[in-house]
Amino acid sequence: MSKTIIAEDLTITGDLSGSATTVDIAGKVTGDINAKAVDILVGGTVQGNVKATSAQVRGTLSGTLKADDVELHTDARVEADVTAKQLESHKGARLKGKIAISGE
């Protein structure tokens, strides 16, 4: 599995797609992301729709999030509709939006 890192000083406008790719975001992405795993790091920002098998949020997300497994860490700031099979939220994480958890 390949890994793509969006560095702190990088801003991307456009969609990212890679079915076997892990994307770590420390910078800013304005656009949709479709990847195997997405990790929005502390200080990272995504404005768009995220679809992944696994999603970790430590930074900021605005849009929608669809993943089998979602983990919202302490510094997560999410304004998105979230659809997941499993959701884990750490103390301090903030989520504003609709939530649908299938549990499957």
Protein backbone atom coordinates (compact mmCIF):
# COMPACT_ATOMS: atom_id res chain seq x y z
CA MET A 1 0.00 0.00 0.00
CA SER A 2 1.43 3.38 -0.98
CA LYS A 3 1.37 6.45 1.24
CA THR A 4 0.81 10.08 0.29
CA ILE A 5 1.67 12.87 2.70
CA ILE A 6 0.24 16.36 2.33
CA ALA A 7 2.79 18.46 4.25
CA GLU A 8 1.92 21.33 6.59
CA ASP A 9 2.91 24.01 4.09
CA LEU A 10 1.00 22.45 1.18
CA THR A 11 -2.48 23.44 -0.03
CA ILE A 12 -4.25 21.29 -2.61
CA THR A 13 -7.38 22.29 -4.48
CA GLY A 14 -8.83 19.29 -6.29
CA ASP A 15 -9.81 15.69 -5.73
CA LEU A 16 -7.48 12.90 -4.53
CA SER A 17 -8.19 9.27 -5.39
CA GLY A 18 -6.30 6.03 -4.83
CA SER A 19 -8.00 2.78 -3.89
CA ALA A 20 -4.90 1.27 -2.23
CA THR A 21 -3.45 4.50 -0.88
CA THR A 22 -3.05 5.92 2.61
CA VAL A 23 -3.29 9.71 2.74
CA ASP A 24 -1.87 11.68 5.68
CA ILE A 25 -2.94 15.32 5.70
CA ALA A 26 -1.01 17.90 7.70
CA GLY A 27 -1.76 20.73 5.25
CA LYS A 28 -5.00 21.82 3.58
CA VAL A 29 -7.10 19.98 1.00
CA THR A 30 -10.13 21.54 -0.66
CA GLY A 31 -11.74 18.72 -2.61
CA ASP A 32 -12.92 15.15 -2.29
CA ILE A 33 -10.69 12.31 -1.06
CA ASN A 34 -11.23 8.65 -1.92
CA ALA A 35 -8.56 6.36 -0.44
CA LYS A 36 -8.06 3.16 1.54
CA ALA A 37 -7.08 5.11 4.67
CA VAL A 38 -7.21 8.81 5.49
CA ASP A 39 -5.52 10.45 8.49
CA ILE A 40 -6.21 14.14 9.01
CA LEU A 41 -3.40 15.15 11.34
CA VAL A 42 -3.37 17.89 13.98
CA GLY A 43 -3.28 21.16 12.03
CA GLY A 44 -4.56 19.43 8.88
CA THR A 45 -7.74 20.64 7.21
CA VAL A 46 -10.05 18.99 4.69
CA GLN A 47 -12.98 20.77 3.11
CA GLY A 48 -14.83 18.19 1.01
CA ASN A 49 -16.13 14.65 0.98
CA VAL A 50 -13.96 11.87 2.40
CA LYS A 51 -14.55 8.19 1.55
CA ALA A 52 -12.23 5.53 2.97
CA THR A 53 -12.08 2.12 4.61
CA SER A 54 -10.44 3.70 7.66
CA ALA A 55 -10.46 7.37 8.72
CA GLN A 56 -8.62 9.01 11.60
CA VAL A 57 -9.38 12.64 12.37
CA ARG A 58 -7.05 14.70 14.56
CA GLY A 59 -7.51 17.96 12.65
CA THR A 60 -10.45 19.69 10.95
CA LEU A 61 -12.99 18.27 8.49
CA SER A 62 -15.91 20.06 6.84
CA GLY A 63 -18.12 18.12 4.40
CA THR A 64 -19.01 14.43 4.62
CA LEU A 65 -17.20 11.37 5.92
CA LYS A 66 -17.98 7.79 4.86
CA ALA A 67 -15.77 5.00 6.20
CA ASP A 68 -16.01 1.54 7.71
CA ASP A 69 -13.99 2.60 10.77
CA VAL A 70 -13.86 6.20 12.01
CA GLU A 71 -11.80 7.44 14.94
CA LEU A 72 -12.12 11.01 16.19
CA HIS A 73 -9.15 11.99 18.32
CA THR A 74 -9.03 14.64 21.06
CA ASP A 75 -8.17 17.54 18.72
CA ALA A 76 -10.73 16.57 16.02
CA ARG A 77 -13.07 19.31 14.82
CA VAL A 78 -15.66 17.81 12.47
CA GLU A 79 -18.58 19.59 10.79
CA ALA A 80 -19.76 16.76 8.59
CA ASP A 81 -22.36 14.08 8.11
CA VAL A 82 -20.66 10.85 9.19
CA THR A 83 -21.58 7.37 7.94
CA ALA A 84 -19.61 4.45 9.40
CA LYS A 85 -19.77 0.85 10.53
CA GLN A 86 -17.88 1.77 13.71
CA LEU A 87 -17.19 5.13 15.35
CA GLU A 88 -14.79 5.83 18.20
CA SER A 89 -14.64 9.30 19.71
CA HIS A 90 -12.03 10.42 22.23
CA LYS A 91 -12.76 12.91 25.00
CA GLY A 92 -12.48 16.44 23.61
CA ALA A 93 -13.35 15.59 19.99
CA ARG A 94 -16.07 17.80 18.50
CA LEU A 95 -18.62 16.64 15.96
CA LYS A 96 -21.44 18.61 14.41
CA GLY A 97 -23.57 16.83 11.81
CA LYS A 98 -25.72 13.78 11.19
CA ILE A 99 -24.36 10.43 12.30
CA ALA A 100 -25.30 7.00 10.89
CA ILE A 101 -23.58 3.98 12.47
CA SER A 102 -24.49 0.58 11.00
CA GLY A 103 -22.52 -1.55 13.49
CA GLU A 104 -21.81 -4.15 10.83
